[in-house]
């Protein structure tokens, strides 16, 4: 009976860890998509700036830098929140299995 409970507890934790890994992987993909889209927009912005002279190019580079920074912060937050949720899920499963 005790062994059966231990097996069930281990299964609960294993399932939570599997789900947590999926959450982290999906967050990583979402974060990378945010970064990629920002990089694409930043490159387009700089290219448009180049067409309109040096001053416009300089302004576009500054705007692109800010865009990349904001996207990176957003991506980091996506990953941070997902890691927090995943950790909480595993912790709750461990407590339940406890």
C-alpha atoms as a PDB file:
ATOM      1  CA  UNK A   1       0.000   0.000   0.000  1.00  0.00           C
ATOM      2  CA  UNK A   2       2.833   2.387   0.901  1.00  0.00           C
ATOM      3  CA  UNK A   3       4.697   1.516  -2.286  1.00  0.00           C
ATOM      4  CA  UNK A   4       1.606   2.201  -4.351  1.00  0.00           C
ATOM      5  CA  UNK A   5       1.270   5.637  -2.743  1.00  0.00           C
ATOM      6  CA  UNK A   6       4.939   6.343  -3.420  1.00  0.00           C
ATOM      7  CA  UNK A   7       4.515   5.350  -7.059  1.00  0.00           C
ATOM      8  CA  UNK A   8       1.470   7.604  -7.397  1.00  0.00           C
ATOM      9  CA  UNK A   9       3.358  10.469  -5.735  1.00  0.00           C
ATOM     10  CA  UNK A  10       6.280   9.999  -8.109  1.00  0.00           C
ATOM     11  CA  UNK A  11       3.888   9.962 -11.067  1.00  0.00           C
ATOM     12  CA  UNK A  12       2.258  13.199  -9.919  1.00  0.00           C
ATOM     13  CA  UNK A  13       5.624  14.919  -9.628  1.00  0.00           C
ATOM     14  CA  UNK A  14       6.860  13.503 -12.938  1.00  0.00           C
ATOM     15  CA  UNK A  15       3.735  14.730 -14.730  1.00  0.00           C
ATOM     16  CA  UNK A  16       4.143  18.179 -13.172  1.00  0.00           C
ATOM     17  CA  UNK A  17       7.788  18.307 -14.227  1.00  0.00           C
ATOM     18  CA  UNK A  18       6.821  17.291 -17.762  1.00  0.00           C
ATOM     19  CA  UNK A  19       4.162  20.003 -17.889  1.00  0.00           C
ATOM     20  CA  UNK A  20       6.625  22.525 -16.436  1.00  0.00           C
ATOM     21  CA  UNK A  21       9.152  21.662 -19.147  1.00  0.00           C
ATOM     22  CA  UNK A  22       6.470  22.215 -21.795  1.00  0.00           C
ATOM     23  CA  UNK A  23       5.556  25.575 -20.266  1.00  0.00           C
ATOM     24  CA  UNK A  24       9.202  26.644 -20.300  1.00  0.00           C
ATOM     25  CA  UNK A  25       9.723  25.490 -23.886  1.00  0.00           C
ATOM     26  CA  UNK A  26       6.614  27.298 -25.141  1.00  0.00           C
ATOM     27  CA  UNK A  27       7.703  30.453 -23.329  1.00  0.00           C
ATOM     28  CA  UNK A  28      11.147  30.193 -24.876  1.00  0.00           C
ATOM     29  CA  UNK A  29       9.567  29.935 -28.334  1.00  0.00           C
ATOM     30  CA  UNK A  30       7.278  32.899 -27.659  1.00  0.00           C
ATOM     31  CA  UNK A  31      10.162  34.981 -26.357  1.00  0.00           C
ATOM     32  CA  UNK A  32      12.272  34.160 -29.394  1.00  0.00           C
ATOM     33  CA  UNK A  33       9.380  35.124 -31.669  1.00  0.00           C
ATOM     34  CA  UNK A  34       9.113  38.504 -29.921  1.00  0.00           C
ATOM     35  CA  UNK A  35      12.859  39.066 -30.325  1.00  0.00           C
ATOM     36  CA  UNK A  36      12.812  37.988 -33.992  1.00  0.00           C
ATOM     37  CA  UNK A  37       9.888  40.222 -34.864  1.00  0.00           C
ATOM     38  CA  UNK A  38      11.547  43.170 -33.140  1.00  0.00           C
ATOM     39  CA  UNK A  39      14.791  42.521 -34.997  1.00  0.00           C
ATOM     40  CA  UNK A  40      12.915  42.409 -38.292  1.00  0.00           C
ATOM     41  CA  UNK A  41      11.106  45.671 -37.525  1.00  0.00           C
ATOM     42  CA  UNK A  42      14.342  47.301 -36.368  1.00  0.00           C
ATOM     43  CA  UNK A  43      16.118  46.307 -39.579  1.00  0.00           C
ATOM     44  CA  UNK A  44      13.282  47.697 -41.693  1.00  0.00           C
ATOM     45  CA  UNK A  45      13.331  50.902 -39.691  1.00  0.00           C
ATOM     46  CA  UNK A  46      17.065  51.368 -40.283  1.00  0.00           C
ATOM     47  CA  UNK A  47      16.740  50.581 -43.990  1.00  0.00           C
ATOM     48  CA  UNK A  48      14.015  53.206 -44.336  1.00  0.00           C
ATOM     49  CA  UNK A  49      16.163  55.681 -42.424  1.00  0.00           C
ATOM     50  CA  UNK A  50      19.118  55.084 -44.772  1.00  0.00           C
ATOM     51  CA  UNK A  51      16.929  56.040 -47.711  1.00  0.00           C
ATOM     52  CA  UNK A  52      16.205  59.422 -46.143  1.00  0.00           C
ATOM     53  CA  UNK A  53      19.697  60.640 -45.295  1.00  0.00           C
ATOM     54  CA  UNK A  54      22.169  60.472 -42.444  1.00  0.00           C
ATOM     55  CA  UNK A  55      20.051  62.257 -39.862  1.00  0.00           C
ATOM     56  CA  UNK A  56      17.073  59.987 -40.526  1.00  0.00           C
ATOM     57  CA  UNK A  57      19.363  56.961 -40.394  1.00  0.00           C
ATOM     58  CA  UNK A  58      20.748  58.050 -37.023  1.00  0.00           C
ATOM     59  CA  UNK A  59      17.242  58.584 -35.667  1.00  0.00           C
ATOM     60  CA  UNK A  60      16.177  55.200 -37.043  1.00  0.00           C
ATOM     61  CA  UNK A  61      19.140  53.492 -35.363  1.00  0.00           C
ATOM     62  CA  UNK A  62      18.186  55.024 -32.019  1.00  0.00           C
ATOM     63  CA  UNK A  63      14.568  53.985 -32.471  1.00  0.00           C
ATOM     64  CA  UNK A  64      15.654  50.485 -33.505  1.00  0.00           C
ATOM     65  CA  UNK A  65      17.859  50.208 -30.422  1.00  0.00           C
ATOM     66  CA  UNK A  66      14.917  51.156 -28.204  1.00  0.00           C
ATOM     67  CA  UNK A  67      12.641  48.711 -30.043  1.00  0.00           C
ATOM     68  CA  UNK A  68      15.117  45.870 -29.535  1.00  0.00           C
ATOM     69  CA  UNK A  69      15.539  46.744 -25.877  1.00  0.00           C
ATOM     70  CA  UNK A  70      11.795  46.828 -25.225  1.00  0.00           C
ATOM     71  CA  UNK A  71      11.304  43.538 -27.072  1.00  0.00           C
ATOM     72  CA  UNK A  72      14.112  41.931 -25.116  1.00  0.00           C
ATOM     73  CA  UNK A  73      12.540  43.087 -21.857  1.00  0.00           C
ATOM     74  CA  UNK A  74       9.168  41.734 -22.954  1.00  0.00           C
ATOM     75  CA  UNK A  75      10.731  38.419 -23.966  1.00  0.00           C
ATOM     76  CA  UNK A  76      12.588  38.164 -20.664  1.00  0.00           C
ATOM     77  CA  UNK A  77       9.316  38.780 -18.805  1.00  0.00           C
ATOM     78  CA  UNK A  78       7.573  36.044 -20.792  1.00  0.00           C
ATOM     79  CA  UNK A  79      10.286  33.585 -19.809  1.00  0.00           C
ATOM     80  CA  UNK A  80      10.405  34.776 -16.205  1.00  0.00           C
ATOM     81  CA  UNK A  81       6.634  34.412 -15.750  1.00  0.00           C
ATOM     82  CA  UNK A  82       6.651  30.971 -17.374  1.00  0.00           C
ATOM     83  CA  UNK A  83       9.494  29.804 -15.161  1.00  0.00           C
ATOM     84  CA  UNK A  84       7.634  31.053 -12.126  1.00  0.00           C
ATOM     85  CA  UNK A  85       4.453  29.202 -13.148  1.00  0.00           C
ATOM     86  CA  UNK A  86       6.409  26.054 -13.932  1.00  0.00           C
ATOM     87  CA  UNK A  87       8.245  26.162 -10.605  1.00  0.00           C
ATOM     88  CA  UNK A  88       4.968  26.708  -8.760  1.00  0.00           C
ATOM     89  CA  UNK A  89       3.374  23.769 -10.563  1.00  0.00           C
ATOM     90  CA  UNK A  90       6.218  21.426  -9.586  1.00  0.00           C
ATOM     91  CA  UNK A  91       6.255  22.707  -5.999  1.00  0.00           C
ATOM     92  CA  UNK A  92       2.519  22.138  -5.644  1.00  0.00           C
ATOM     93  CA  UNK A  93       2.857  18.636  -7.064  1.00  0.00           C
ATOM     94  CA  UNK A  94       5.667  17.857  -4.638  1.00  0.00           C
ATOM     95  CA  UNK A  95       3.569  19.103  -1.751  1.00  0.00           C
ATOM     96  CA  UNK A  96       0.585  17.092  -2.913  1.00  0.00           C
ATOM     97  CA  UNK A  97       2.755  14.009  -3.330  1.00  0.00           C
ATOM     98  CA  UNK A  98       4.509  14.798  -0.065  1.00  0.00           C
END
